[in-house]
Each structure stands twice: as C-alpha cells, then as structure tokens.
Amino acid sequence: MINSLLIEVYEEDLSKKIAECTNGSIVIGGTAWDWYKLRRTFKSLECNIIIIDEGSQLLVSDAILAIECLNPKTEKLIVAGDHMKWVQEKSSVVRQRKDNNGVIEWIVDRSEKCQKETNHN
C-alpha cells in the first residue's frame, strides 16, 4: 500500500520535508524552471523518474533544465503530449519555436535520424 500525501511546499521548506519522508518515495511537481531553481539549491537532488506533460509545447532547451535532475543510474524519462496538437499562434511558445521544436518533435526527429543512420550502415 502506498501512502500518499499532497502538500504544497516552498523551496526553502523542501529539505525539511525530504528529511521527514520515511518511505523513501517523494513526488515533486513543478515547471521546468522550478526544477532549475531546485537543482541550484539542492545540488545532489536526483530523480528516478521525470514526467513531462505537454511535451509538444515545451521547448527542448527548457526540458533540459528538468532532465538534468535525473539520476544517471536509474533515469527514466516519460514525455507525454500530442506532437500534432495545434498551438495557438498568439502563444509566446510559438514565437520562440521558430528554431527550437518541442520535446516530442525533437525525440521523433532524433529517432528518425538514428534509424536512417542505422539503415545506411
């Protein structure tokens, strides 16, 4: 049985809450920039799993901020989102994406490139 507790914790209180955790499982949610700030404060913070939602809208450069927190020995990255989803033209993300696709598009592009390289060898 998993005991779950949802609490809102500010960055300065996080180390106290981590120390109070007795079952070894902690779920922390936040934006890519929240993860960047946490990583600056908690240099040894390593996650076993990171889930990125709306991966088609998150810039690869922003996703790297969160991905950097993965534990290199147990890392698992789950990216969810529809790469065909229409993003509103007014969105600041659309303006920034001229040369920087979303995470899902990047994964698809890399996968296709790797497959082509494998087929040519």
Protein backbone atom coordinates (compact mmCIF):
# COMPACT_ATOMS: atom_id res chain seq x y z
CA MET A 1 0.00 0.00 0.00
CA ILE A 2 1.32 3.41 -0.93
CA ASN A 3 0.79 6.23 1.50
CA SER A 4 0.30 9.47 -0.33
CA LEU A 5 0.24 12.97 0.97
CA LEU A 6 -0.20 16.03 -1.19
CA ILE A 7 1.26 19.16 0.30
CA GLU A 8 2.39 22.47 -1.07
CA VAL A 9 5.96 23.16 -0.09
CA TYR A 10 8.03 26.19 -0.88
CA GLU A 11 11.63 25.72 -1.97
CA GLU A 12 13.07 26.72 1.40
CA ASP A 13 10.95 24.07 3.20
CA LEU A 14 11.68 21.22 0.79
CA SER A 15 14.81 19.89 2.53
CA LYS A 16 12.85 19.62 5.79
CA LYS A 17 10.04 17.69 4.07
CA ILE A 18 12.54 15.38 2.36
CA ALA A 19 14.16 14.62 5.73
CA GLU A 20 10.72 13.85 7.20
CA CYS A 21 9.93 11.34 4.45
CA THR A 22 10.09 7.85 5.93
CA ASN A 23 9.14 5.64 2.99
CA GLY A 24 11.77 6.92 0.56
CA SER A 25 9.25 7.94 -2.10
CA ILE A 26 8.70 11.58 -2.86
CA VAL A 27 6.77 13.11 -5.74
CA ILE A 28 7.63 16.70 -6.57
CA GLY A 29 5.75 18.61 -9.25
CA GLY A 30 6.70 21.83 -10.91
CA THR A 31 7.60 23.65 -14.08
CA ALA A 32 10.93 23.23 -15.85
CA TRP A 33 12.06 26.47 -14.25
CA ASP A 34 11.02 25.21 -10.79
CA TRP A 35 13.32 22.23 -11.37
CA TYR A 36 16.14 24.54 -12.43
CA LYS A 37 15.78 26.50 -9.18
CA LEU A 38 15.61 23.30 -7.11
CA ARG A 39 18.74 21.95 -8.77
CA ARG A 40 20.61 25.16 -7.91
CA THR A 41 19.56 24.87 -4.27
CA PHE A 42 19.82 21.08 -3.90
CA LYS A 43 22.86 20.18 -5.98
CA SER A 44 22.58 16.49 -5.04
CA LEU A 45 18.88 16.25 -6.00
CA GLU A 46 18.46 13.28 -8.33
CA CYS A 47 15.16 11.88 -9.57
CA ASN A 48 14.46 8.33 -10.67
CA ILE A 49 11.62 9.36 -12.98
CA ILE A 50 10.68 12.64 -14.62
CA ILE A 51 7.36 13.00 -16.41
CA ILE A 52 6.99 15.88 -18.84
CA ASP A 53 3.42 16.71 -19.81
CA GLU A 54 2.58 18.81 -22.86
CA GLY A 55 5.91 17.77 -24.36
CA SER A 56 4.89 19.15 -27.74
CA GLN A 57 4.73 22.63 -26.27
CA LEU A 58 7.80 22.56 -24.01
CA LEU A 59 10.97 23.77 -25.68
CA VAL A 60 13.86 21.29 -25.69
CA SER A 61 16.06 23.94 -24.07
CA ASP A 62 13.58 24.26 -21.19
CA ALA A 63 13.12 20.49 -20.85
CA ILE A 64 16.86 20.09 -20.32
CA LEU A 65 16.53 22.09 -17.10
CA ALA A 66 14.36 19.33 -15.62
CA ILE A 67 16.09 16.39 -17.32
CA GLU A 68 19.36 17.45 -15.70
CA CYS A 69 17.86 16.34 -12.35
CA LEU A 70 17.62 12.68 -13.43
CA ASN A 71 19.70 10.12 -11.54
CA PRO A 72 22.12 8.76 -14.18
CA LYS A 73 21.89 5.20 -12.79
CA THR A 74 18.10 4.88 -12.64
CA GLU A 75 16.88 7.54 -15.04
CA LYS A 76 13.53 7.20 -16.73
CA LEU A 77 12.05 9.99 -18.81
CA ILE A 78 8.40 9.94 -19.83
CA VAL A 79 7.24 12.60 -22.29
CA ALA A 80 3.50 12.93 -22.89
CA GLY A 81 1.80 15.14 -25.43
CA ASP A 82 0.45 15.25 -28.94
CA HIS A 83 3.09 16.34 -31.46
CA MET A 84 0.28 17.14 -33.91
CA LYS A 85 -1.52 19.42 -31.45
CA TRP A 86 -2.23 22.88 -32.77
CA VAL A 87 -0.62 25.57 -30.62
CA GLN A 88 -2.34 28.94 -30.64
CA GLU A 89 -0.48 31.45 -32.80
CA LYS A 90 -0.65 34.08 -30.05
CA SER A 91 1.32 31.88 -27.69
CA SER A 92 4.80 33.06 -26.72
CA VAL A 93 5.91 29.44 -27.19
CA VAL A 94 5.06 29.65 -30.91
CA ARG A 95 7.12 32.81 -31.31
CA GLN A 96 10.12 31.13 -29.61
CA ARG A 97 9.81 27.89 -31.57
CA LYS A 98 10.99 29.06 -34.97
CA ASP A 99 14.31 27.25 -34.48
CA ASN A 100 13.51 25.23 -31.37
CA ASN A 101 10.88 22.49 -31.62
CA GLY A 102 9.01 20.89 -28.74
CA VAL A 103 10.47 17.90 -26.90
CA ILE A 104 8.27 15.36 -28.68
CA GLU A 105 9.21 16.73 -32.13
CA TRP A 106 12.87 16.57 -31.13
CA ILE A 107 12.53 12.94 -29.98
CA VAL A 108 10.75 11.97 -33.22
CA ASP A 109 13.37 13.77 -35.34
CA ARG A 110 16.27 12.14 -33.45
CA SER A 111 14.65 8.73 -33.67
CA GLU A 112 14.16 9.07 -37.44
CA LYS A 113 17.74 10.30 -37.88
CA CYS A 114 19.15 7.39 -35.84
CA GLN A 115 17.06 4.91 -37.82
CA LYS A 116 18.31 6.32 -41.15
CA GLU A 117 21.92 6.16 -39.93
CA THR A 118 21.41 2.56 -38.80
CA ASN A 119 19.88 1.57 -42.16
CA HIS A 120 22.77 3.14 -44.10
CA ASN A 121 25.42 1.23 -42.13
